[in-house]
Each structure stands twice: as structure tokens, then as C-alpha cells.
Amino acid sequence: MSSEHCDNEAKKARPRQPELPILTKTYDLVLWSCHHTSRFPKQHRFVLGERIERRLYDLLETLLQARYTRERSGLLRQANLSLEVLRFQLRLAHDLQCLRTNSYGHACRLLLEIGKMIGGWLKAGQATG
């Protein structure tokens, strides 16, 4: 079943909430990662590449959990830690020549944007909490 099919079925079932920009950016980064880590040299693909992908999947799941709970500050701090680990993992992938400079730059920009959104979400929660 395609993602588009699932989206269409969900629209029929209930009115859809607009997707949060942070979820869209994170999804885009996961998708980007899937296309790039699969091209890592063999000696790095199954350790570093897999760790990057798993960390990104975990980040997306954590942000989805945060969306649907009132007690999200712990989840957002966890997401922030994941971003920091990802920064180092991507830097390592670049230094090991698994990622080209322009690809590394693209991923870093997305991580920065996601980090700013997490920070804003944390501040908004502190203001209301």
C-alpha cells in the first residue's frame, strides 16, 4: 500500500490536522538520508550509515510522540540530543568522504532548521507550562 493511498484513506476517515513543519523537515531529512547512506562505501554503510538512518527514524518518532502529548519537554530534549549526535555522525561521514560537501551542507542546514524549531517548541512549552 502506498503512502499516498494511506493519506487518501485518512482524509476520508477524518479531517486532517495540518502537518507540523518540523515533522515535514524531519521526514525530508529521513528521505534524503535513505538515498545517501545507501551509497556509502561498504566499510561505512553498515555501521555509520545505518546508525544515521536509525537515529533519524528515532528522531521522527520522538517528534511524533511529542506532537500528541502535553508532557513534551522530555521528548524534545531527547530530540535535541539526537540532533547533536546526528551532527557528529554526519560530520564523520563527510570527513570519511562518504558524503560530498554539498550533501553534507544540505543535511546540516536541515538539522539547524529542525533544531531551531525544537528550541522554539521548548520555549513555547515553558511559556504555557
Protein backbone atom coordinates (compact mmCIF):
# COMPACT_ATOMS: atom_id res chain seq x y z
CA MET A 1 0.00 0.00 0.00
CA SER A 2 1.49 3.35 -0.98
CA SER A 3 1.84 6.34 1.34
CA GLU A 4 -0.40 8.31 -1.00
CA HIS A 5 -3.11 5.66 -0.66
CA CYS A 6 -2.84 5.86 3.16
CA ASP A 7 -3.09 9.65 3.02
CA ASN A 8 -6.20 9.47 0.83
CA GLU A 9 -7.85 6.95 3.16
CA ALA A 10 -7.04 9.10 6.18
CA LYS A 11 -8.62 12.15 4.53
CA LYS A 12 -11.83 10.23 4.02
CA ALA A 13 -11.89 8.95 7.60
CA ARG A 14 -11.44 12.24 9.48
CA PRO A 15 -10.45 15.83 8.91
CA ARG A 16 -6.68 16.03 8.78
CA GLN A 17 -4.68 18.30 11.04
CA PRO A 18 -2.08 20.31 9.18
CA GLU A 19 1.32 18.65 9.37
CA LEU A 20 3.77 20.46 11.58
CA PRO A 21 6.69 22.00 9.65
CA ILE A 22 9.17 20.26 11.98
CA LEU A 23 7.69 16.89 11.01
CA THR A 24 7.88 17.74 7.31
CA LYS A 25 11.53 18.83 7.62
CA THR A 26 12.44 15.73 9.61
CA TYR A 27 10.63 13.46 7.14
CA ASP A 28 12.53 15.16 4.29
CA LEU A 29 15.81 14.54 6.10
CA VAL A 30 14.97 10.86 6.65
CA LEU A 31 14.14 10.51 2.96
CA TRP A 32 17.35 12.33 1.97
CA SER A 33 19.32 10.03 4.26
CA CYS A 34 17.85 6.88 2.73
CA HIS A 35 19.08 7.97 -0.69
CA HIS A 36 22.55 8.92 0.53
CA THR A 37 23.53 6.34 3.15
CA SER A 38 22.79 3.52 0.72
CA ARG A 39 25.68 4.88 -1.38
CA PHE A 40 28.21 4.96 1.45
CA PRO A 41 31.30 2.81 0.84
CA LYS A 42 30.73 -0.73 2.06
CA GLN A 43 33.06 -0.38 5.05
CA HIS A 44 30.90 2.51 6.41
CA ARG A 45 27.43 1.72 5.06
CA PHE A 46 26.51 -0.94 7.60
CA VAL A 47 27.74 0.85 10.70
CA LEU A 48 27.81 4.61 10.23
CA GLY A 49 25.14 4.75 7.52
CA GLU A 50 22.80 2.51 9.46
CA ARG A 51 23.32 4.47 12.68
CA ILE A 52 22.50 7.74 10.92
CA GLU A 53 19.33 6.25 9.45
CA ARG A 54 18.23 4.70 12.76
CA ARG A 55 18.88 7.95 14.61
CA LEU A 56 16.80 9.86 12.06
CA TYR A 57 13.93 7.36 12.31
CA ASP A 58 14.10 7.67 16.10
CA LEU A 59 14.09 11.47 15.81
CA LEU A 60 10.98 11.40 13.64
CA GLU A 61 9.24 9.02 16.05
CA THR A 62 10.19 11.18 19.05
CA LEU A 63 8.82 14.31 17.39
CA LEU A 64 5.60 12.48 16.50
CA GLN A 65 5.24 11.41 20.12
CA ALA A 66 5.84 14.99 21.26
CA ARG A 67 3.09 16.22 18.98
CA TYR A 68 0.50 14.05 20.69
CA THR A 69 1.35 14.62 24.34
CA ARG A 70 1.14 17.53 26.73
CA GLU A 71 4.28 16.47 28.58
CA ARG A 72 6.63 17.00 25.66
CA SER A 73 9.63 18.75 27.19
CA GLY A 74 11.45 15.46 27.92
CA LEU A 75 10.79 14.22 24.40
CA LEU A 76 12.02 17.50 22.92
CA ARG A 77 15.22 17.35 24.98
CA GLN A 78 15.69 13.79 23.71
CA ALA A 79 15.18 15.06 20.14
CA ASN A 80 17.76 17.79 20.76
CA LEU A 81 20.28 15.19 21.91
CA SER A 82 19.57 13.11 18.78
CA LEU A 83 20.26 16.18 16.65
CA GLU A 84 23.60 16.70 18.35
CA VAL A 85 24.60 13.07 17.78
CA LEU A 86 23.49 13.37 14.14
CA ARG A 87 25.66 16.45 13.66
CA PHE A 88 28.72 14.46 14.71
CA GLN A 89 27.74 11.38 12.71
CA LEU A 90 27.22 13.44 9.55
CA ARG A 91 30.48 15.31 10.11
CA LEU A 92 32.23 11.96 10.44
CA ALA A 93 30.55 10.72 7.24
CA HIS A 94 31.78 13.85 5.46
CA ASP A 95 35.31 13.52 6.87
CA LEU A 96 35.39 9.87 5.78
CA GLN A 97 34.33 11.02 2.30
CA CYS A 98 31.02 9.17 2.46
CA LEU A 99 29.19 12.46 1.83
CA ARG A 100 30.08 15.18 -0.63
CA THR A 101 30.43 18.69 0.74
CA ASN A 102 27.20 19.95 -0.85
CA SER A 103 25.23 16.98 0.54
CA TYR A 104 26.75 17.48 3.96
CA GLY A 105 25.86 21.17 3.81
CA HIS A 106 22.26 20.37 2.87
CA ALA A 107 21.91 17.95 5.81
CA CYS A 108 23.47 20.46 8.20
CA ARG A 109 21.03 23.17 7.10
CA LEU A 110 18.09 20.85 7.70
CA LEU A 111 19.46 19.87 11.12
CA LEU A 112 19.88 23.54 12.01
CA GLU A 113 16.29 24.34 10.97
CA ILE A 114 14.93 21.36 12.91
CA GLY A 115 16.99 22.39 15.95
CA LYS A 116 15.58 25.92 15.84
CA MET A 117 12.07 24.52 15.63
CA ILE A 118 12.67 22.23 18.61
CA GLY A 119 14.05 25.19 20.57
CA GLY A 120 11.00 27.26 19.71
CA TRP A 121 8.71 24.41 20.71
CA LEU A 122 10.54 24.06 24.04
CA LYS A 123 10.27 27.82 24.73
CA ALA A 124 6.58 27.83 23.85
CA GLY A 125 6.03 24.96 26.28
CA GLN A 126 7.86 26.80 29.06
CA ALA A 127 5.76 29.91 28.47
CA THR A 128 2.49 27.96 28.78
CA GLY A 129 3.69 25.46 31.40
